[in-house]
Amino acid sequence: KPPVDHCEEMLTAVGLSAGLAKSYPHQLSGGQRQRI
């Protein structure tokens, strides 16, 4: 079971907005995808 708020924490750790959690890969740039 993943930790609570894990997704948002990981996005923040790699310099991305937590709001990207609901996005899909095709909506992101190459640099954003590599951060994911």
Full PDB file with SEQRES, HELIX, SHEET, SSBOND, CRYST1, ORIGX, SCALE, CONECT and MASTER records, all heavy atoms in Angstrom:
SEQRES   1 A   36  LYS PRO PRO VAL ASP HIS CYS GLU GLU MET LEU THR ALA          
SEQRES   2 A   36  VAL GLY LEU SER ALA GLY LEU ALA LYS SER TYR PRO HIS          
SEQRES   3 A   36  GLN LEU SER GLY GLY GLN ARG GLN ARG ILE                      
HELIX    1 AA1 HIS A    6  ALA A   13  1                                   8    
HELIX    2 AA2 ALA A   18  LYS A   22  5                                   5    
HELIX    3 AA3 PRO A   25  GLN A   27  5                                   3    
HELIX    4 AA4 GLY A   30  ARG A   35  1                                   6    
CRYST1    1.000    1.000    1.000  90.00  90.00  90.00 P 1           1          
ORIGX1      1.000000  0.000000  0.000000        0.00000                         
ORIGX2      0.000000  1.000000  0.000000        0.00000                         
ORIGX3      0.000000  0.000000  1.000000        0.00000                         
SCALE1      1.000000  0.000000  0.000000        0.00000                         
SCALE2      0.000000  1.000000  0.000000        0.00000                         
SCALE3      0.000000  0.000000  1.000000        0.00000                         
ATOM      1  N   LYS A   1       0.840  -1.182   0.000  1.00  0.00           N  
ATOM      2  CA  LYS A   1       0.000   0.000   0.000  1.00  0.00           C  
ATOM      3  C   LYS A   1       0.880   1.239   0.000  1.00  0.00           C  
ATOM      4  O   LYS A   1       1.766   1.384   0.853  1.00  0.00           O  
ATOM      5  CB  LYS A   1      -0.906   0.007   1.231  1.00  0.00           C  
ATOM      6  CG  LYS A   1      -1.892   1.175   1.251  1.00  0.00           C  
ATOM      7  CD  LYS A   1      -2.808   1.093   2.474  1.00  0.00           C  
ATOM      8  CE  LYS A   1      -3.784   2.262   2.485  1.00  0.00           C  
ATOM      9  NZ  LYS A   1      -4.701   2.209   3.662  1.00  0.00           N  
ATOM     10  N   PRO A   2       0.670   2.162  -0.952  1.00  0.00           N  
ATOM     11  CA  PRO A   2       1.522   3.355  -1.009  1.00  0.00           C  
ATOM     12  C   PRO A   2       1.246   4.303   0.151  1.00  0.00           C  
ATOM     13  O   PRO A   2       0.134   4.340   0.688  1.00  0.00           O  
ATOM     14  CB  PRO A   2       1.132   3.998  -2.336  1.00  0.00           C  
ATOM     15  CG  PRO A   2      -0.255   3.526  -2.594  1.00  0.00           C  
ATOM     16  CD  PRO A   2      -0.333   2.133  -2.033  1.00  0.00           C  
ATOM     17  N   PRO A   3       2.256   5.074   0.552  1.00  0.00           N  
ATOM     18  CA  PRO A   3       2.049   6.064   1.605  1.00  0.00           C  
ATOM     19  C   PRO A   3       1.034   7.123   1.169  1.00  0.00           C  
ATOM     20  O   PRO A   3       0.870   7.393  -0.024  1.00  0.00           O  
ATOM     21  CB  PRO A   3       3.442   6.689   1.796  1.00  0.00           C  
ATOM     22  CG  PRO A   3       4.396   5.720   1.178  1.00  0.00           C  
ATOM     23  CD  PRO A   3       3.645   5.039   0.084  1.00  0.00           C  
ATOM     24  N   VAL A   4       0.376   7.719   2.125  1.00  0.00           N  
ATOM     25  CA  VAL A   4      -0.571   8.795   1.830  1.00  0.00           C  
ATOM     26  C   VAL A   4       0.184   9.970   1.198  1.00  0.00           C  
ATOM     27  O   VAL A   4       1.286  10.318   1.625  1.00  0.00           O  
ATOM     28  CB  VAL A   4      -1.287   9.248   3.121  1.00  0.00           C  
ATOM     29  CG1 VAL A   4      -2.223  10.415   2.827  1.00  0.00           C  
ATOM     30  CG2 VAL A   4      -2.048   8.079   3.733  1.00  0.00           C  
ATOM     31  N   ASP A   5      -0.411  10.552   0.168  1.00  0.00           N  
ATOM     32  CA  ASP A   5       0.169  11.709  -0.525  1.00  0.00           C  
ATOM     33  C   ASP A   5       1.499  11.405  -1.199  1.00  0.00           C  
ATOM     34  O   ASP A   5       2.282  12.318  -1.507  1.00  0.00           O  
ATOM     35  CB  ASP A   5       0.364  12.895   0.436  1.00  0.00           C  
ATOM     36  CG  ASP A   5      -0.949  13.398   0.999  1.00  0.00           C  
ATOM     37  OD1 ASP A   5      -1.978  13.302   0.293  1.00  0.00           O  
ATOM     38  OD2 ASP A   5      -0.956  13.881   2.149  1.00  0.00           O  
ATOM     39  N   HIS A   6       1.780  10.129  -1.446  1.00  0.00           N  
ATOM     40  CA  HIS A   6       3.072   9.758  -2.047  1.00  0.00           C  
ATOM     41  C   HIS A   6       3.233  10.374  -3.438  1.00  0.00           C  
ATOM     42  O   HIS A   6       4.296  10.893  -3.779  1.00  0.00           O  
ATOM     43  CB  HIS A   6       3.195   8.237  -2.144  1.00  0.00           C  
ATOM     44  CG  HIS A   6       4.400   7.795  -2.913  1.00  0.00           C  
ATOM     45  ND1 HIS A   6       5.657   7.792  -2.363  1.00  0.00           N  
ATOM     46  CD2 HIS A   6       4.549   7.365  -4.205  1.00  0.00           C  
ATOM     47  CE1 HIS A   6       6.528   7.369  -3.262  1.00  0.00           C  
ATOM     48  NE2 HIS A   6       5.882   7.099  -4.391  1.00  0.00           N  
ATOM     49  N   CYS A   7       2.188  10.326  -4.236  1.00  0.00           N  
ATOM     50  CA  CYS A   7       2.267  10.830  -5.604  1.00  0.00           C  
ATOM     51  C   CYS A   7       2.642  12.311  -5.616  1.00  0.00           C  
ATOM     52  O   CYS A   7       3.541  12.736  -6.362  1.00  0.00           O  
ATOM     53  CB  CYS A   7       0.932  10.607  -6.312  1.00  0.00           C  
ATOM     54  SG  CYS A   7       0.904  11.171  -8.023  1.00  0.00           S  
ATOM     55  N   GLU A   8       1.974  13.093  -4.804  1.00  0.00           N  
ATOM     56  CA  GLU A   8       2.230  14.530  -4.764  1.00  0.00           C  
ATOM     57  C   GLU A   8       3.650  14.804  -4.275  1.00  0.00           C  
ATOM     58  O   GLU A   8       4.344  15.697  -4.789  1.00  0.00           O  
ATOM     59  CB  GLU A   8       1.224  15.218  -3.845  1.00  0.00           C  
ATOM     60  CG  GLU A   8      -0.206  15.260  -4.388  1.00  0.00           C  
ATOM     61  CD  GLU A   8      -0.921  13.906  -4.295  1.00  0.00           C  
ATOM     62  OE1 GLU A   8      -0.388  12.994  -3.610  1.00  0.00           O  
ATOM     63  OE2 GLU A   8      -1.989  13.762  -4.905  1.00  0.00           O  
ATOM     64  N   GLU A   9       4.121  14.024  -3.292  1.00  0.00           N  
ATOM     65  CA  GLU A   9       5.476  14.212  -2.769  1.00  0.00           C  
ATOM     66  C   GLU A   9       6.530  13.913  -3.823  1.00  0.00           C  
ATOM     67  O   GLU A   9       7.530  14.636  -3.941  1.00  0.00           O  
ATOM     68  CB  GLU A   9       5.681  13.307  -1.544  1.00  0.00           C  
ATOM     69  CG  GLU A   9       4.889  13.728  -0.323  1.00  0.00           C  
ATOM     70  CD  GLU A   9       5.059  12.751   0.828  1.00  0.00           C  
ATOM     71  OE1 GLU A   9       5.856  11.798   0.670  1.00  0.00           O  
ATOM     72  OE2 GLU A   9       4.419  12.951   1.868  1.00  0.00           O  
ATOM     73  N   MET A  10       6.309  12.863  -4.606  1.00  0.00           N  
ATOM     74  CA  MET A  10       7.288  12.493  -5.627  1.00  0.00           C  
ATOM     75  C   MET A  10       7.322  13.518  -6.759  1.00  0.00           C  
ATOM     76  O   MET A  10       8.382  13.837  -7.295  1.00  0.00           O  
ATOM     77  CB  MET A  10       6.982  11.106  -6.182  1.00  0.00           C  
ATOM     78  CG  MET A  10       7.174   9.979  -5.176  1.00  0.00           C  
ATOM     79  SD  MET A  10       8.798  10.024  -4.367  1.00  0.00           S  
ATOM     80  CE  MET A  10       9.906   9.912  -5.769  1.00  0.00           C  
ATOM     81  N   LEU A  11       6.152  14.035  -7.130  1.00  0.00           N  
ATOM     82  CA  LEU A  11       6.116  15.062  -8.160  1.00  0.00           C  
ATOM     83  C   LEU A  11       6.879  16.307  -7.701  1.00  0.00           C  
ATOM     84  O   LEU A  11       7.656  16.899  -8.464  1.00  0.00           O  
ATOM     85  CB  LEU A  11       4.674  15.422  -8.502  1.00  0.00           C  
ATOM     86  CG  LEU A  11       3.913  14.385  -9.325  1.00  0.00           C  
ATOM     87  CD1 LEU A  11       2.428  14.742  -9.392  1.00  0.00           C  
ATOM     88  CD2 LEU A  11       4.484  14.288 -10.741  1.00  0.00           C  
ATOM     89  N   THR A  12       6.672  16.685  -6.465  1.00  0.00           N  
ATOM     90  CA  THR A  12       7.378  17.849  -5.922  1.00  0.00           C  
ATOM     91  C   THR A  12       8.876  17.600  -5.870  1.00  0.00           C  
ATOM     92  O   THR A  12       9.683  18.495  -6.158  1.00  0.00           O  
ATOM     93  CB  THR A  12       6.853  18.182  -4.521  1.00  0.00           C  
ATOM     94  OG1 THR A  12       5.440  18.435  -4.580  1.00  0.00           O  
ATOM     95  CG2 THR A  12       7.559  19.404  -3.947  1.00  0.00           C  
ATOM     96  N   ALA A  13       9.271  16.370  -5.530  1.00  0.00           N  
ATOM     97  CA  ALA A  13      10.695  16.027  -5.401  1.00  0.00           C  
ATOM     98  C   ALA A  13      11.442  16.168  -6.712  1.00  0.00           C  
ATOM     99  O   ALA A  13      12.642  16.464  -6.724  1.00  0.00           O  
ATOM    100  CB  ALA A  13      10.843  14.604  -4.857  1.00  0.00           C  
ATOM    101  N   VAL A  14      10.739  15.954  -7.832  1.00  0.00           N  
ATOM    102  CA  VAL A  14      11.408  16.054  -9.131  1.00  0.00           C  
ATOM    103  C   VAL A  14      11.093  17.382  -9.829  1.00  0.00           C  
ATOM    104  O   VAL A  14      11.315  17.532 -11.024  1.00  0.00           O  
ATOM    105  CB  VAL A  14      11.044  14.871 -10.048  1.00  0.00           C  
ATOM    106  CG1 VAL A  14      11.533  13.561  -9.463  1.00  0.00           C  
ATOM    107  CG2 VAL A  14       9.542  14.812 -10.329  1.00  0.00           C  
ATOM    108  N   GLY A  15      10.580  18.337  -9.075  1.00  0.00           N  
ATOM    109  CA  GLY A  15      10.386  19.673  -9.605  1.00  0.00           C  
ATOM    110  C   GLY A  15       9.146  19.867 -10.448  1.00  0.00           C  
ATOM    111  O   GLY A  15       9.107  20.776 -11.286  1.00  0.00           O  
ATOM    112  N   LEU A  16       8.116  19.058 -10.224  1.00  0.00           N  
ATOM    113  CA  LEU A  16       6.872  19.181 -10.984  1.00  0.00           C  
ATOM    114  C   LEU A  16       5.719  19.553 -10.060  1.00  0.00           C  
ATOM    115  O   LEU A  16       5.768  19.312  -8.850  1.00  0.00           O  
ATOM    116  CB  LEU A  16       6.552  17.864 -11.702  1.00  0.00           C  
ATOM    117  CG  LEU A  16       7.522  17.428 -12.798  1.00  0.00           C  
ATOM    118  CD1 LEU A  16       7.139  16.055 -13.327  1.00  0.00           C  
ATOM    119  CD2 LEU A  16       7.567  18.441 -13.935  1.00  0.00           C  
ATOM    120  N   SER A  17       4.682  20.097 -10.656  1.00  0.00           N  
ATOM    121  CA  SER A  17       3.500  20.483  -9.892  1.00  0.00           C  
ATOM    122  C   SER A  17       2.694  19.251  -9.511  1.00  0.00           C  
ATOM    123  O   SER A  17       2.510  18.331 -10.317  1.00  0.00           O  
ATOM    124  CB  SER A  17       2.635  21.431 -10.718  1.00  0.00           C  
ATOM    125  OG  SER A  17       1.359  21.599 -10.128  1.00  0.00           O  
ATOM    126  N   ALA A  18       2.198  19.239  -8.277  1.00  0.00           N  
ATOM    127  CA  ALA A  18       1.365  18.125  -7.826  1.00  0.00           C  
ATOM    128  C   ALA A  18       0.088  18.022  -8.657  1.00  0.00           C  
ATOM    129  O   ALA A  18      -0.525  16.955  -8.734  1.00  0.00           O  
ATOM    130  CB  ALA A  18       1.017  18.311  -6.348  1.00  0.00           C  
ATOM    131  N   GLY A  19      -0.287  19.112  -9.307  1.00  0.00           N  
ATOM    132  CA  GLY A  19      -1.493  19.099 -10.127  1.00  0.00           C  
ATOM    133  C   GLY A  19      -1.381  18.248 -11.383  1.00  0.00           C  
ATOM    134  O   GLY A  19      -2.393  17.966 -12.041  1.00  0.00           O  
ATOM    135  N   LEU A  20      -0.158  17.790 -11.725  1.00  0.00           N  
ATOM    136  CA  LEU A  20       0.025  16.941 -12.909  1.00  0.00           C  
ATOM    137  C   LEU A  20      -0.397  15.498 -12.678  1.00  0.00           C  
ATOM    138  O   LEU A  20      -0.387  14.701 -13.618  1.00  0.00           O  
ATOM    139  CB  LEU A  20       1.494  16.970 -13.353  1.00  0.00           C  
ATOM    140  CG  LEU A  20       2.004  18.278 -13.955  1.00  0.00           C  
ATOM    141  CD1 LEU A  20       3.493  18.168 -14.268  1.00  0.00           C  
ATOM    142  CD2 LEU A  20       1.223  18.627 -15.210  1.00  0.00           C  
ATOM    143  N   ALA A  21      -0.773  15.158 -11.463  1.00  0.00           N  
ATOM    144  CA  ALA A  21      -1.096  13.766 -11.133  1.00  0.00           C  
ATOM    145  C   ALA A  21      -2.213  13.202 -12.006  1.00  0.00           C  
ATOM    146  O   ALA A  21      -2.222  12.003 -12.317  1.00  0.00           O  
ATOM    147  CB  ALA A  21      -1.464  13.652  -9.656  1.00  0.00           C  
ATOM    148  N   LYS A  22      -3.151  14.051 -12.421  1.00  0.00           N  
ATOM    149  CA  LYS A  22      -4.282  13.578 -13.217  1.00  0.00           C  
ATOM    150  C   LYS A  22      -4.002  13.632 -14.725  1.00  0.00           C  
ATOM    151  O   LYS A  22      -4.850  13.216 -15.523  1.00  0.00           O  
ATOM    152  CB  LYS A  22      -5.524  14.416 -12.897  1.00  0.00           C  
ATOM    153  CG  LYS A  22      -6.007  14.269 -11.452  1.00  0.00           C  
ATOM    154  CD  LYS A  22      -7.253  15.110 -11.204  1.00  0.00           C  
ATOM    155  CE  LYS A  22      -7.735  14.967  -9.766  1.00  0.00           C  
ATOM    156  NZ  LYS A  22      -8.953  15.789  -9.511  1.00  0.00           N  
ATOM    157  N   SER A  23      -2.833  14.123 -15.101  1.00  0.00           N  
ATOM    158  CA  SER A  23      -2.487  14.227 -16.517  1.00  0.00           C  
ATOM    159  C   SER A  23      -2.042  12.880 -17.070  1.00  0.00           C  
ATOM    160  O   SER A  23      -1.819  11.916 -16.327  1.00  0.00           O  
ATOM    161  CB  SER A  23      -1.366  15.257 -16.702  1.00  0.00           C  
ATOM    162  OG  SER A  23      -1.750  16.520 -16.226  1.00  0.00           O  
ATOM    163  N   TYR A  24      -1.878  12.827 -18.401  1.00  0.00           N  
ATOM    164  CA  TYR A  24      -1.384  11.631 -19.085  1.00  0.00           C  
ATOM    165  C   TYR A  24      -0.083  11.979 -19.803  1.00  0.00           C  
ATOM    166  O   TYR A  24       0.178  13.152 -20.109  1.00  0.00           O  
ATOM    167  CB  TYR A  24      -2.436  11.119 -20.073  1.00  0.00           C  
ATOM    168  CG  TYR A  24      -3.593  10.438 -19.384  1.00  0.00           C  
ATOM    169  CD1 TYR A  24      -4.634  11.188 -18.839  1.00  0.00           C  
ATOM    170  CD2 TYR A  24      -3.621   9.052 -19.258  1.00  0.00           C  
ATOM    171  CE1 TYR A  24      -5.697  10.560 -18.181  1.00  0.00           C  
ATOM    172  CE2 TYR A  24      -4.681   8.422 -18.604  1.00  0.00           C  
ATOM    173  CZ  TYR A  24      -5.708   9.173 -18.068  1.00  0.00           C  
ATOM    174  OH  TYR A  24      -6.742   8.554 -17.412  1.00  0.00           O  
ATOM    175  N   PRO A  25       0.758  10.978 -20.084  1.00  0.00           N  
ATOM    176  CA  PRO A  25       2.069  11.254 -20.674  1.00  0.00           C  
ATOM    177  C   PRO A  25       2.038  12.117 -21.923  1.00  0.00           C  
ATOM    178  O   PRO A  25       2.914  12.968 -22.111  1.00  0.00           O  
ATOM    179  CB  PRO A  25       2.615   9.850 -20.968  1.00  0.00           C  
ATOM    180  CG  PRO A  25       1.997   8.988 -19.918  1.00  0.00           C  
ATOM    181  CD  PRO A  25       0.609   9.550 -19.737  1.00  0.00           C  
ATOM    182  N   HIS A  26       1.036  11.931 -22.779  1.00  0.00           N  
ATOM    183  CA  HIS A  26       1.014  12.694 -24.033  1.00  0.00           C  
ATOM    184  C   HIS A  26       0.790  14.184 -23.806  1.00  0.00           C  
ATOM    185  O   HIS A  26       1.010  14.995 -24.713  1.00  0.00           O  
ATOM    186  CB  HIS A  26      -0.070  12.144 -24.974  1.00  0.00           C  
ATOM    187  CG  HIS A  26      -1.468  12.485 -24.574  1.00  0.00           C  
ATOM    188  ND1 HIS A  26      -2.188  11.706 -23.684  1.00  0.00           N  
ATOM    189  CD2 HIS A  26      -2.274  13.529 -24.913  1.00  0.00           C  
ATOM    190  CE1 HIS A  26      -3.379  12.247 -23.507  1.00  0.00           C  
ATOM    191  NE2 HIS A  26      -3.467  13.351 -24.246  1.00  0.00           N  
ATOM    192  N   GLN A  27       0.373  14.549 -22.607  1.00  0.00           N  
ATOM    193  CA  GLN A  27       0.122  15.952 -22.297  1.00  0.00           C  
ATOM    194  C   GLN A  27       1.368  16.661 -21.757  1.00  0.00           C  
ATOM    195  O   GLN A  27       1.323  17.857 -21.498  1.00  0.00           O  
ATOM    196  CB  GLN A  27      -1.016  16.060 -21.281  1.00  0.00           C  
ATOM    197  CG  GLN A  27      -2.351  15.526 -21.790  1.00  0.00           C  
ATOM    198  CD  GLN A  27      -3.419  15.509 -20.711  1.00  0.00           C  
ATOM    199  OE1 GLN A  27      -3.267  14.861 -19.678  1.00  0.00           O  
ATOM    200  NE2 GLN A  27      -4.494  16.257 -20.956  1.00  0.00           N  
ATOM    201  N   LEU A  28       2.449  15.920 -21.588  1.00  0.00           N  
ATOM    202  CA  LEU A  28       3.663  16.474 -20.989  1.00  0.00           C  
ATOM    203  C   LEU A  28       4.771  16.635 -22.023  1.00  0.00           C  
ATOM    204  O   LEU A  28       4.792  15.951 -23.049  1.00  0.00           O  
ATOM    205  CB  LEU A  28       4.157  15.564 -19.857  1.00  0.00           C  
ATOM    206  CG  LEU A  28       3.151  15.202 -18.769  1.00  0.00           C  
ATOM    207  CD1 LEU A  28       3.823  14.359 -17.702  1.00  0.00           C  
ATOM    208  CD2 LEU A  28       2.541  16.461 -18.151  1.00  0.00           C  
ATOM    209  N   SER A  29       5.717  17.519 -21.737  1.00  0.00           N  
ATOM    210  CA  SER A  29       6.897  17.682 -22.579  1.00  0.00           C  
ATOM    211  C   SER A  29       7.879  16.538 -22.325  1.00  0.00           C  
ATOM    212  O   SER A  29       7.729  15.768 -21.362  1.00  0.00           O  
ATOM    213  CB  SER A  29       7.574  19.021 -22.274  1.00  0.00           C  
ATOM    214  OG  SER A  29       8.128  18.994 -20.963  1.00  0.00           O  
ATOM    215  N   GLY A  30       8.923  16.448 -23.175  1.00  0.00           N  
ATOM    216  CA  GLY A  30       9.919  15.393 -22.999  1.00  0.00           C  
ATOM    217  C   GLY A  30      10.631  15.490 -21.663  1.00  0.00           C  
ATOM    218  O   GLY A  30      10.858  14.480 -20.979  1.00  0.00           O  
ATOM    219  N   GLY A  31      10.988  16.709 -21.256  1.00  0.00           N  
ATOM    220  CA  GLY A  31      11.650  16.886 -19.973  1.00  0.00           C  
ATOM    221  C   GLY A  31      10.760  16.507 -18.804  1.00  0.00           C  
ATOM    222  O   GLY A  31      11.213  15.896 -17.824  1.00  0.00           O  
ATOM    223  N   GLN A  32       9.470  16.853 -18.888  1.00  0.00           N  
ATOM    224  CA  GLN A  32       8.532  16.481 -17.833  1.00  0.00           C  
ATOM    225  C   GLN A  32       8.364  14.966 -17.765  1.00  0.00           C  
ATOM    226  O   GLN A  32       8.303  14.387 -16.674  1.00  0.00           O  
ATOM    227  CB  GLN A  32       7.185  17.150 -18.073  1.00  0.00           C  
ATOM    228  CG  GLN A  32       7.181  18.646 -17.831  1.00  0.00           C  
ATOM    229  CD  GLN A  32       5.856  19.281 -18.201  1.00  0.00           C  
ATOM    230  OE1 GLN A  32       5.222  18.928 -19.206  1.00  0.00           O  
ATOM    231  NE2 GLN A  32       5.402  20.238 -17.386  1.00  0.00           N  
ATOM    232  N   ARG A  33       8.292  14.337 -18.918  1.00  0.00           N  
ATOM    233  CA  ARG A  33       8.161  12.872 -18.929  1.00  0.00           C  
ATOM    234  C   ARG A  33       9.373  12.207 -18.286  1.00  0.00           C  
ATOM    235  O   ARG A  33       9.228  11.225 -17.544  1.00  0.00           O  
ATOM    236  CB  ARG A  33       8.014  12.370 -20.357  1.00  0.00           C  
ATOM    237  CG  ARG A  33       6.722  12.772 -21.033  1.00  0.00           C  
ATOM    238  CD  ARG A  33       6.589  12.070 -22.365  1.00  0.00           C  
ATOM    239  NE  ARG A  33       5.562  12.696 -23.199  1.00  0.00           N  
ATOM    240  CZ  ARG A  33       5.058  12.143 -24.286  1.00  0.00           C  
ATOM    241  NH1 ARG A  33       5.483  10.962 -24.673  1.00  0.00           N  
ATOM    242  NH2 ARG A  33       4.145  12.764 -24.995  1.00  0.00           N  
ATOM    243  N   GLN A  34      10.563  12.735 -18.580  1.00  0.00           N  
ATOM    244  CA  GLN A  34      11.744  12.113 -17.977  1.00  0.00           C  
ATOM    245  C   GLN A  34      11.763  12.322 -16.468  1.00  0.00           C  
ATOM    246  O   GLN A  34      12.208  11.447 -15.722  1.00  0.00           O  
ATOM    247  CB  GLN A  34      13.022  12.658 -18.622  1.00  0.00           C  
ATOM    248  CG  GLN A  34      14.275  11.839 -18.322  1.00  0.00           C  
ATOM    249  CD  GLN A  34      14.172  10.407 -18.807  1.00  0.00           C  
ATOM    250  OE1 GLN A  34      13.362   9.603 -18.306  1.00  0.00           O  
ATOM    251  NE2 GLN A  34      14.998  10.056 -19.771  1.00  0.00           N  
ATOM    252  N   ARG A  35      11.257  13.450 -16.003  1.00  0.00           N  
ATOM    253  CA  ARG A  35      11.139  13.662 -14.554  1.00  0.00           C  
ATOM    254  C   ARG A  35      10.161  12.662 -13.938  1.00  0.00           C  
ATOM    255  O   ARG A  35      10.373  12.181 -12.821  1.00  0.00           O  
ATOM    256  CB  ARG A  35      10.700  15.100 -14.260  1.00  0.00           C  
ATOM    257  CG  ARG A  35      11.779  16.140 -14.536  1.00  0.00           C  
ATOM    258  CD  ARG A  35      11.256  17.562 -14.390  1.00  0.00           C  
ATOM    259  NE  ARG A  35      12.247  18.546 -14.770  1.00  0.00           N  
ATOM    260  CZ  ARG A  35      13.070  19.169 -13.921  1.00  0.00           C  
ATOM    261  NH1 ARG A  35      12.994  18.903 -12.624  1.00  0.00           N  
ATOM    262  NH2 ARG A  35      13.950  20.049 -14.362  1.00  0.00           N  
ATOM    263  N   ILE A  36       9.106  12.337 -14.673  1.00  0.00           N  
ATOM    264  CA  ILE A  36       8.170  11.313 -14.196  1.00  0.00           C  
ATOM    265  C   ILE A  36       8.871   9.964 -14.127  1.00  0.00           C  
ATOM    266  O   ILE A  36       8.689   9.194 -13.173  1.00  0.00           O  
ATOM    267  CB  ILE A  36       6.937  11.230 -15.117  1.00  0.00           C  
ATOM    268  CG1 ILE A  36       6.138  12.545 -15.074  1.00  0.00           C  
ATOM    269  CG2 ILE A  36       6.050  10.051 -14.720  1.00  0.00           C  
ATOM    270  CD1 ILE A  36       5.614  12.912 -13.708  1.00  0.00           C  
TER     271      ILE A  36                                                      
MASTER        0    0    0    4    0    0    0    6  270    1    0    3          
END                                                                             
